[in-house]
Amino acid sequence: MLTLALQGDGEVVAGGLFGSYDGLSVGQIARIHGDAIYPTLQVLPLASGLARFSWPGWAARYALQTTLSPVSPDWQTLSNGADWVGDHFLWTQQTRNPSQFYRLTVP
């Protein structure tokens, strides 16, 4: 390998004196796919029991869900119609219970 380049989507391109990579013929250049990148869910508590949730815009296929128990099969989707602001999705939600759980998932 002679050179590496990090692309904007987090993938790596390698160039060098090789004709195959991971069993595939690549002709001296290969795009290397690493581990999956999962979006980060940020939570900002607001006044009156409200919370604002934010996640990156590249995670448009993810949905914000909530439940009262993390082992429950009963997750409710909240984020249909989340606001697009800059490069993030925003969702404001009334928190109903101090032990409420949230996640981003692909439905």
N, C-alpha and C. Protein backbone atom coordinates (compact mmCIF):
# COMPACT_ATOMS: atom_id res chain seq x y z
N MET A 1 0.84 -1.17 0.00
CA MET A 1 0.00 0.00 0.00
C MET A 1 0.89 1.24 0.00
N LEU A 2 0.60 2.17 -0.89
CA LEU A 2 1.40 3.38 -0.99
C LEU A 2 0.70 4.62 -0.46
N THR A 3 -0.64 4.64 -0.57
CA THR A 3 -1.36 5.84 -0.14
C THR A 3 -2.75 5.48 0.38
N LEU A 4 -3.25 6.31 1.28
CA LEU A 4 -4.60 6.18 1.82
C LEU A 4 -5.27 7.54 1.74
N ALA A 5 -6.57 7.56 1.47
CA ALA A 5 -7.33 8.81 1.46
C ALA A 5 -8.65 8.57 2.19
N LEU A 6 -8.97 9.46 3.10
CA LEU A 6 -10.24 9.41 3.82
C LEU A 6 -11.27 10.20 3.03
N GLN A 7 -12.39 9.59 2.67
CA GLN A 7 -13.42 10.27 1.91
C GLN A 7 -14.43 10.92 2.86
N GLY A 8 -15.25 11.83 2.33
CA GLY A 8 -16.21 12.57 3.14
C GLY A 8 -17.23 11.72 3.85
N ASP A 9 -17.52 10.54 3.33
CA ASP A 9 -18.50 9.66 3.97
C ASP A 9 -17.86 8.72 4.98
N GLY A 10 -16.58 8.91 5.30
CA GLY A 10 -15.90 8.11 6.30
C GLY A 10 -15.24 6.86 5.76
N GLU A 11 -15.40 6.56 4.49
CA GLU A 11 -14.76 5.40 3.89
C GLU A 11 -13.32 5.74 3.51
N VAL A 12 -12.51 4.72 3.33
CA VAL A 12 -11.09 4.90 3.01
C VAL A 12 -10.83 4.33 1.62
N VAL A 13 -10.01 5.03 0.84
CA VAL A 13 -9.55 4.54 -0.45
C VAL A 13 -8.05 4.29 -0.31
N ALA A 14 -7.62 3.09 -0.73
CA ALA A 14 -6.21 2.72 -0.66
C ALA A 14 -5.68 2.53 -2.08
N GLY A 15 -4.48 2.99 -2.32
CA GLY A 15 -3.83 2.80 -3.60
C GLY A 15 -2.45 2.21 -3.39
N GLY A 16 -2.02 1.35 -4.29
CA GLY A 16 -0.71 0.76 -4.13
C GLY A 16 -0.40 -0.28 -5.18
N LEU A 17 0.61 -1.06 -4.89
CA LEU A 17 1.08 -2.08 -5.83
C LEU A 17 0.40 -3.41 -5.52
N PHE A 18 -0.90 -3.47 -5.69
CA PHE A 18 -1.66 -4.70 -5.47
C PHE A 18 -2.74 -4.79 -6.54
N GLY A 19 -3.12 -5.99 -6.88
CA GLY A 19 -4.14 -6.18 -7.91
C GLY A 19 -5.44 -6.71 -7.36
N SER A 20 -5.43 -7.14 -6.08
CA SER A 20 -6.66 -7.64 -5.48
C SER A 20 -6.72 -7.20 -4.02
N TYR A 21 -7.93 -7.11 -3.52
CA TYR A 21 -8.16 -6.77 -2.12
C TYR A 21 -9.36 -7.57 -1.64
N ASP A 22 -9.20 -8.25 -0.54
CA ASP A 22 -10.28 -9.04 0.06
C ASP A 22 -10.87 -10.03 -0.96
N GLY A 23 -9.98 -10.59 -1.80
CA GLY A 23 -10.40 -11.59 -2.77
C GLY A 23 -10.99 -11.05 -4.06
N LEU A 24 -11.01 -9.73 -4.24
CA LEU A 24 -11.57 -9.12 -5.45
C LEU A 24 -10.48 -8.44 -6.25
N SER A 25 -10.59 -8.50 -7.58
CA SER A 25 -9.66 -7.81 -8.45
C SER A 25 -9.97 -6.31 -8.40
N VAL A 26 -8.98 -5.50 -8.04
CA VAL A 26 -9.23 -4.06 -7.85
C VAL A 26 -8.33 -3.16 -8.68
N GLY A 27 -7.32 -3.68 -9.31
CA GLY A 27 -6.48 -2.87 -10.18
C GLY A 27 -5.74 -1.75 -9.49
N GLN A 28 -5.12 -1.99 -8.35
CA GLN A 28 -4.26 -1.07 -7.62
C GLN A 28 -4.98 0.03 -6.85
N ILE A 29 -6.30 -0.01 -6.79
CA ILE A 29 -7.04 0.95 -5.96
C ILE A 29 -8.25 0.24 -5.37
N ALA A 30 -8.50 0.45 -4.08
CA ALA A 30 -9.60 -0.23 -3.40
C ALA A 30 -10.29 0.71 -2.43
N ARG A 31 -11.59 0.65 -2.38
CA ARG A 31 -12.38 1.38 -1.39
C ARG A 31 -12.64 0.41 -0.24
N ILE A 32 -12.23 0.80 0.95
CA ILE A 32 -12.31 -0.08 2.11
C ILE A 32 -13.48 0.35 2.98
N HIS A 33 -14.41 -0.56 3.16
CA HIS A 33 -15.59 -0.28 3.99
C HIS A 33 -15.30 -0.76 5.41
N GLY A 34 -15.37 0.15 6.36
CA GLY A 34 -15.11 -0.20 7.75
C GLY A 34 -16.40 -0.60 8.46
N ASP A 35 -16.37 -0.55 9.76
CA ASP A 35 -17.54 -0.86 10.55
C ASP A 35 -18.64 0.16 10.27
N ALA A 36 -19.87 -0.24 10.49
CA ALA A 36 -21.01 0.65 10.30
C ALA A 36 -20.92 1.85 11.24
N ILE A 37 -21.32 3.00 10.74
CA ILE A 37 -21.35 4.21 11.56
C ILE A 37 -22.80 4.44 11.98
N TYR A 38 -23.03 4.54 13.27
CA TYR A 38 -24.38 4.76 13.77
C TYR A 38 -24.54 6.21 14.17
N PRO A 39 -25.72 6.78 13.96
CA PRO A 39 -25.93 8.18 14.31
C PRO A 39 -25.97 8.38 15.81
N THR A 40 -25.52 9.56 16.23
CA THR A 40 -25.56 9.93 17.63
C THR A 40 -26.84 10.71 17.90
N LEU A 41 -27.57 10.29 18.92
CA LEU A 41 -28.78 11.00 19.35
C LEU A 41 -28.39 11.94 20.48
N GLN A 42 -28.62 13.24 20.29
CA GLN A 42 -28.34 14.22 21.33
C GLN A 42 -29.66 14.67 21.93
N VAL A 43 -29.67 14.84 23.26
CA VAL A 43 -30.89 15.24 23.97
C VAL A 43 -30.60 16.50 24.78
N LEU A 44 -31.44 17.51 24.60
CA LEU A 44 -31.32 18.77 25.32
C LEU A 44 -32.59 18.98 26.14
N PRO A 45 -32.51 18.92 27.48
CA PRO A 45 -33.69 19.18 28.30
C PRO A 45 -34.11 20.65 28.17
N LEU A 46 -35.40 20.87 28.01
CA LEU A 46 -35.96 22.22 27.93
C LEU A 46 -36.88 22.44 29.13
N ALA A 47 -37.46 23.63 29.24
CA ALA A 47 -38.37 23.94 30.34
C ALA A 47 -39.66 23.14 30.22
N SER A 48 -40.38 23.02 31.32
CA SER A 48 -41.72 22.42 31.38
C SER A 48 -41.77 20.97 30.93
N GLY A 49 -40.73 20.20 31.22
CA GLY A 49 -40.75 18.78 30.90
C GLY A 49 -40.58 18.45 29.43
N LEU A 50 -40.12 19.42 28.64
CA LEU A 50 -39.87 19.15 27.22
C LEU A 50 -38.41 18.74 27.03
N ALA A 51 -38.16 17.98 25.99
CA ALA A 51 -36.80 17.63 25.61
C ALA A 51 -36.68 17.77 24.10
N ARG A 52 -35.52 18.27 23.64
CA ARG A 52 -35.27 18.39 22.21
C ARG A 52 -34.24 17.33 21.81
N PHE A 53 -34.59 16.56 20.80
CA PHE A 53 -33.74 15.50 20.30
C PHE A 53 -33.16 15.94 18.96
N SER A 54 -31.91 15.59 18.72
CA SER A 54 -31.23 15.98 17.49
C SER A 54 -30.39 14.81 17.01
N TRP A 55 -30.41 14.57 15.69
CA TRP A 55 -29.55 13.56 15.09
C TRP A 55 -29.16 14.01 13.69
N PRO A 56 -28.04 13.49 13.16
CA PRO A 56 -27.50 13.99 11.89
C PRO A 56 -28.42 13.73 10.70
N GLY A 57 -28.39 14.65 9.76
CA GLY A 57 -29.24 14.56 8.58
C GLY A 57 -28.94 13.36 7.69
N TRP A 58 -27.71 12.85 7.73
CA TRP A 58 -27.40 11.68 6.90
C TRP A 58 -28.13 10.45 7.40
N ALA A 59 -28.72 10.52 8.59
CA ALA A 59 -29.45 9.38 9.18
C ALA A 59 -30.95 9.51 8.94
N ALA A 60 -31.33 9.98 7.76
CA ALA A 60 -32.75 10.22 7.46
C ALA A 60 -33.59 8.96 7.53
N ARG A 61 -33.02 7.80 7.31
CA ARG A 61 -33.82 6.58 7.35
C ARG A 61 -34.06 6.09 8.78
N TYR A 62 -33.41 6.69 9.76
CA TYR A 62 -33.61 6.32 11.16
C TYR A 62 -34.84 7.01 11.72
N ALA A 63 -35.47 6.36 12.70
CA ALA A 63 -36.63 6.92 13.38
C ALA A 63 -36.34 7.01 14.87
N LEU A 64 -36.84 8.07 15.50
CA LEU A 64 -36.74 8.22 16.95
C LEU A 64 -37.89 7.44 17.58
N GLN A 65 -37.56 6.58 18.53
CA GLN A 65 -38.57 5.76 19.19
C GLN A 65 -38.44 5.89 20.70
N THR A 66 -39.54 5.60 21.41
CA THR A 66 -39.55 5.67 22.87
C THR A 66 -40.29 4.47 23.45
N THR A 67 -39.95 4.16 24.70
CA THR A 67 -40.63 3.12 25.47
C THR A 67 -40.36 3.38 26.95
N LEU A 68 -41.10 2.70 27.82
CA LEU A 68 -40.89 2.85 29.26
C LEU A 68 -39.91 1.81 29.81
N SER A 69 -39.58 0.79 29.01
CA SER A 69 -38.63 -0.23 29.44
C SER A 69 -37.74 -0.60 28.25
N PRO A 70 -36.43 -0.60 28.42
CA PRO A 70 -35.54 -0.89 27.29
C PRO A 70 -35.66 -2.32 26.77
N VAL A 71 -36.24 -3.24 27.55
CA VAL A 71 -36.41 -4.61 27.09
C VAL A 71 -37.81 -4.85 26.53
N SER A 72 -38.62 -3.83 26.51
CA SER A 72 -39.99 -3.94 26.00
C SER A 72 -40.00 -4.10 24.48
N PRO A 73 -40.89 -4.94 23.95
CA PRO A 73 -41.05 -5.00 22.50
C PRO A 73 -41.94 -3.86 21.99
N ASP A 74 -42.39 -3.02 22.90
CA ASP A 74 -43.38 -1.98 22.60
C ASP A 74 -42.75 -0.60 22.41
N TRP A 75 -41.99 -0.41 21.35
CA TRP A 75 -41.37 0.88 21.05
C TRP A 75 -42.32 1.66 20.15
N GLN A 76 -42.53 2.95 20.47
CA GLN A 76 -43.40 3.82 19.68
C GLN A 76 -42.53 4.79 18.87
N THR A 77 -42.84 4.92 17.57
CA THR A 77 -42.11 5.86 16.72
C THR A 77 -42.65 7.27 16.94
N LEU A 78 -41.72 8.22 17.16
CA LEU A 78 -42.09 9.61 17.43
C LEU A 78 -41.77 10.56 16.29
N SER A 79 -40.77 10.26 15.49
CA SER A 79 -40.15 11.28 14.66
C SER A 79 -40.74 11.46 13.26
N ASN A 80 -41.90 10.93 12.99
CA ASN A 80 -42.50 11.22 11.69
C ASN A 80 -42.78 12.72 11.63
N GLY A 81 -42.16 13.39 10.70
CA GLY A 81 -42.33 14.84 10.59
C GLY A 81 -41.33 15.64 11.40
N ALA A 82 -40.18 15.05 11.72
CA ALA A 82 -39.14 15.80 12.43
C ALA A 82 -38.70 16.97 11.56
N ASP A 83 -38.30 18.07 12.21
CA ASP A 83 -37.86 19.27 11.49
C ASP A 83 -36.42 19.11 11.01
N TRP A 84 -36.17 19.55 9.78
CA TRP A 84 -34.82 19.58 9.22
C TRP A 84 -34.26 20.96 9.47
N VAL A 85 -33.19 21.07 10.26
CA VAL A 85 -32.58 22.35 10.59
C VAL A 85 -31.08 22.25 10.33
N GLY A 86 -30.60 23.00 9.34
CA GLY A 86 -29.17 22.93 8.98
C GLY A 86 -28.83 21.56 8.46
N ASP A 87 -28.02 20.83 9.20
CA ASP A 87 -27.64 19.48 8.79
C ASP A 87 -28.11 18.41 9.79
N HIS A 88 -29.15 18.77 10.58
CA HIS A 88 -29.68 17.85 11.59
C HIS A 88 -31.20 17.78 11.54
N PHE A 89 -31.72 16.68 12.08
CA PHE A 89 -33.15 16.59 12.34
C PHE A 89 -33.38 16.99 13.79
N LEU A 90 -34.48 17.70 14.04
CA LEU A 90 -34.85 18.10 15.39
C LEU A 90 -36.27 17.62 15.69
N TRP A 91 -36.46 17.15 16.91
CA TRP A 91 -37.77 16.71 17.37
C TRP A 91 -37.91 17.15 18.82
N THR A 92 -39.01 17.84 19.16
CA THR A 92 -39.27 18.25 20.54
C THR A 92 -40.39 17.39 21.08
N GLN A 93 -40.19 16.85 22.28
CA GLN A 93 -41.13 15.88 22.85
C GLN A 93 -41.36 16.18 24.33
N GLN A 94 -42.62 16.08 24.76
CA GLN A 94 -42.95 16.15 26.18
C GLN A 94 -42.51 14.83 26.80
N THR A 95 -41.68 14.89 27.83
CA THR A 95 -41.26 13.67 28.51
C THR A 95 -42.31 13.33 29.55
N ARG A 96 -42.84 12.12 29.48
CA ARG A 96 -43.96 11.72 30.34
C ARG A 96 -43.52 11.02 31.60
N ASN A 97 -42.32 10.50 31.61
CA ASN A 97 -41.89 9.66 32.71
C ASN A 97 -40.38 9.82 32.88
N PRO A 98 -39.88 9.95 34.11
CA PRO A 98 -38.44 10.13 34.29
C PRO A 98 -37.61 8.93 33.85
N SER A 99 -38.23 7.75 33.72
CA SER A 99 -37.47 6.57 33.29
C SER A 99 -37.85 6.16 31.86
N GLN A 100 -38.15 7.15 31.05
CA GLN A 100 -38.48 6.89 29.65
C GLN A 100 -37.19 6.66 28.86
N PHE A 101 -37.22 5.75 27.89
CA PHE A 101 -36.05 5.41 27.09
C PHE A 101 -36.29 5.80 25.64
N TYR A 102 -35.20 6.20 24.96
CA TYR A 102 -35.28 6.63 23.57
C TYR A 102 -34.20 5.93 22.77
N ARG A 103 -34.44 5.74 21.47
CA ARG A 103 -33.43 5.18 20.58
C ARG A 103 -33.68 5.64 19.16
N LEU A 104 -32.62 5.59 18.35
CA LEU A 104 -32.73 5.77 16.91
C LEU A 104 -32.60 4.38 16.30
N THR A 105 -33.50 4.05 15.41
CA THR A 105 -33.47 2.73 14.78
C THR A 105 -34.01 2.82 13.36
N VAL A 106 -33.67 1.86 12.55
CA VAL A 106 -34.23 1.78 11.20
C VAL A 106 -35.47 0.92 11.31
N PRO A 107 -36.64 1.52 11.07
CA PRO A 107 -37.89 0.74 11.24
C PRO A 107 -38.04 -0.33 10.16
